[in-house]
Amino acid sequence: MAIGSGQPADDLAISVTTWMPVMGHACAQKPVKVSAIGDGNYVLAPIAASMDGKCELILSIGVPTADGGESPAFRVATPTFVIPKG
């Protein structure tokens, strides 16, 4: 991810919530961990759904501030994707 400067950012505070809109609850029972791997790229794992169906990832992203703090997080929902049976 890149911030206002357009440079890759490896120090973002990112949390992930899985969500099944049709069912009104989380897709996964295990928390999704976020790891920065360099050049503004992050890995989200594990994404292990507890059941098949349509799921969203809701990302809360906080950007570091010049004083060492963090901006208020903003939320981004991914397009819905399908968890296959199996």
C-alpha atoms as a PDB file:
ATOM      1  CA  MET A   1       0.000   0.000   0.000  1.00  0.00           C
ATOM      2  CA  ALA A   2       1.130   3.556  -0.596  1.00  0.00           C
ATOM      3  CA  ILE A   3       0.299   6.597   1.511  1.00  0.00           C
ATOM      4  CA  GLY A   4       0.020  10.281   0.526  1.00  0.00           C
ATOM      5  CA  SER A   5       3.630  10.484  -0.675  1.00  0.00           C
ATOM      6  CA  GLY A   6       2.986   7.653  -3.129  1.00  0.00           C
ATOM      7  CA  GLN A   7       5.786   5.648  -1.507  1.00  0.00           C
ATOM      8  CA  PRO A   8       5.122   2.086  -0.295  1.00  0.00           C
ATOM      9  CA  ALA A   9       4.214   1.956   3.407  1.00  0.00           C
ATOM     10  CA  ASP A  10       5.219  -0.992   5.563  1.00  0.00           C
ATOM     11  CA  ASP A  11       4.185   0.547   8.884  1.00  0.00           C
ATOM     12  CA  LEU A  12       0.416   0.714   8.533  1.00  0.00           C
ATOM     13  CA  ALA A  13      -1.757  -0.602  11.357  1.00  0.00           C
ATOM     14  CA  ILE A  14      -4.092  -3.045   9.586  1.00  0.00           C
ATOM     15  CA  SER A  15      -6.705  -5.266  11.182  1.00  0.00           C
ATOM     16  CA  VAL A  16      -9.029  -7.658   9.357  1.00  0.00           C
ATOM     17  CA  THR A  17     -12.584  -8.760  10.063  1.00  0.00           C
ATOM     18  CA  THR A  18     -14.193 -11.505   7.984  1.00  0.00           C
ATOM     19  CA  TRP A  19     -17.932 -11.101   7.380  1.00  0.00           C
ATOM     20  CA  MET A  20     -20.732 -13.165   5.812  1.00  0.00           C
ATOM     21  CA  PRO A  21     -23.339 -10.535   4.890  1.00  0.00           C
ATOM     22  CA  VAL A  22     -26.095 -13.085   4.234  1.00  0.00           C
ATOM     23  CA  MET A  23     -25.612 -14.801   7.586  1.00  0.00           C
ATOM     24  CA  GLY A  24     -24.769 -11.680   9.619  1.00  0.00           C
ATOM     25  CA  HIS A  25     -21.674 -13.129  11.286  1.00  0.00           C
ATOM     26  CA  ALA A  26     -17.944 -13.677  10.807  1.00  0.00           C
ATOM     27  CA  CYS A  27     -16.674 -16.072   8.114  1.00  0.00           C
ATOM     28  CA  ALA A  28     -13.736 -17.341  10.129  1.00  0.00           C
ATOM     29  CA  GLN A  29     -13.396 -18.322  13.753  1.00  0.00           C
ATOM     30  CA  LYS A  30      -9.615 -17.759  13.791  1.00  0.00           C
ATOM     31  CA  PRO A  31      -8.323 -14.173  13.764  1.00  0.00           C
ATOM     32  CA  VAL A  32      -6.636 -13.057  10.554  1.00  0.00           C
ATOM     33  CA  LYS A  33      -3.080 -11.839  11.174  1.00  0.00           C
ATOM     34  CA  VAL A  34      -1.505  -9.134   9.015  1.00  0.00           C
ATOM     35  CA  SER A  35       2.230  -9.114   8.249  1.00  0.00           C
ATOM     36  CA  ALA A  36       4.158  -6.497   6.269  1.00  0.00           C
ATOM     37  CA  ILE A  37       6.503  -8.217   3.787  1.00  0.00           C
ATOM     38  CA  GLY A  38       8.112  -5.122   2.264  1.00  0.00           C
ATOM     39  CA  ASP A  39       7.499  -2.629  -0.535  1.00  0.00           C
ATOM     40  CA  GLY A  40       3.990  -1.881   0.759  1.00  0.00           C
ATOM     41  CA  ASN A  41       2.849  -5.506   0.495  1.00  0.00           C
ATOM     42  CA  TYR A  42       1.035  -7.311   3.300  1.00  0.00           C
ATOM     43  CA  VAL A  43       0.062 -10.951   3.850  1.00  0.00           C
ATOM     44  CA  LEU A  44      -3.279 -11.793   5.482  1.00  0.00           C
ATOM     45  CA  ALA A  45      -3.361 -15.271   7.024  1.00  0.00           C
ATOM     46  CA  PRO A  46      -4.976 -17.532   7.837  1.00  0.00           C
ATOM     47  CA  ILE A  47      -8.211 -16.986   5.983  1.00  0.00           C
ATOM     48  CA  ALA A  48      -9.982 -20.162   6.999  1.00  0.00           C
ATOM     49  CA  ALA A  49     -13.751 -20.020   6.707  1.00  0.00           C
ATOM     50  CA  SER A  50     -15.936 -21.970   9.098  1.00  0.00           C
ATOM     51  CA  MET A  51     -18.536 -22.601   6.363  1.00  0.00           C
ATOM     52  CA  ASP A  52     -19.040 -22.161   2.622  1.00  0.00           C
ATOM     53  CA  GLY A  53     -20.757 -19.087   1.197  1.00  0.00           C
ATOM     54  CA  LYS A  54     -20.149 -15.446   0.293  1.00  0.00           C
ATOM     55  CA  CYS A  55     -17.631 -13.594   2.453  1.00  0.00           C
ATOM     56  CA  GLU A  56     -16.100 -10.104   2.740  1.00  0.00           C
ATOM     57  CA  LEU A  57     -12.848  -8.935   4.269  1.00  0.00           C
ATOM     58  CA  ILE A  58     -13.236  -5.662   6.144  1.00  0.00           C
ATOM     59  CA  LEU A  59      -9.890  -3.906   6.561  1.00  0.00           C
ATOM     60  CA  SER A  60      -9.329  -1.209   9.196  1.00  0.00           C
ATOM     61  CA  ILE A  61      -6.240   0.790   8.234  1.00  0.00           C
ATOM     62  CA  GLY A  62      -4.424   3.309  10.435  1.00  0.00           C
ATOM     63  CA  VAL A  63      -1.618   5.487   9.050  1.00  0.00           C
ATOM     64  CA  PRO A  64       1.309   6.603  11.248  1.00  0.00           C
ATOM     65  CA  THR A  65       1.505  10.341  11.912  1.00  0.00           C
ATOM     66  CA  ALA A  66       4.576  12.597  12.034  1.00  0.00           C
ATOM     67  CA  ASP A  67       4.400  12.797  15.867  1.00  0.00           C
ATOM     68  CA  GLY A  68       4.678   9.006  16.195  1.00  0.00           C
ATOM     69  CA  GLY A  69       0.967   8.469  16.711  1.00  0.00           C
ATOM     70  CA  GLU A  70      -1.576   6.945  14.389  1.00  0.00           C
ATOM     71  CA  SER A  71      -4.396   8.480  12.368  1.00  0.00           C
ATOM     72  CA  PRO A  72      -7.945   7.347  13.021  1.00  0.00           C
ATOM     73  CA  ALA A  73      -8.424   4.077  11.142  1.00  0.00           C
ATOM     74  CA  PHE A  74     -10.583   4.004   8.050  1.00  0.00           C
ATOM     75  CA  ARG A  75     -12.508   0.929   6.945  1.00  0.00           C
ATOM     76  CA  VAL A  76     -12.473  -0.693   3.535  1.00  0.00           C
ATOM     77  CA  ALA A  77     -14.639  -3.661   2.538  1.00  0.00           C
ATOM     78  CA  THR A  78     -13.448  -5.954  -0.230  1.00  0.00           C
ATOM     79  CA  PRO A  79     -15.762  -7.221  -2.924  1.00  0.00           C
ATOM     80  CA  THR A  80     -17.678 -10.286  -1.799  1.00  0.00           C
ATOM     81  CA  PHE A  81     -15.977 -13.563  -2.671  1.00  0.00           C
ATOM     82  CA  VAL A  82     -17.218 -17.149  -2.444  1.00  0.00           C
ATOM     83  CA  ILE A  83     -15.829 -19.732  -0.026  1.00  0.00           C
ATOM     84  CA  PRO A  84     -16.302 -23.107  -1.795  1.00  0.00           C
ATOM     85  CA  LYS A  85     -17.562 -26.232  -0.054  1.00  0.00           C
ATOM     86  CA  GLY A  86     -14.870 -28.606   1.051  1.00  0.00           C
END
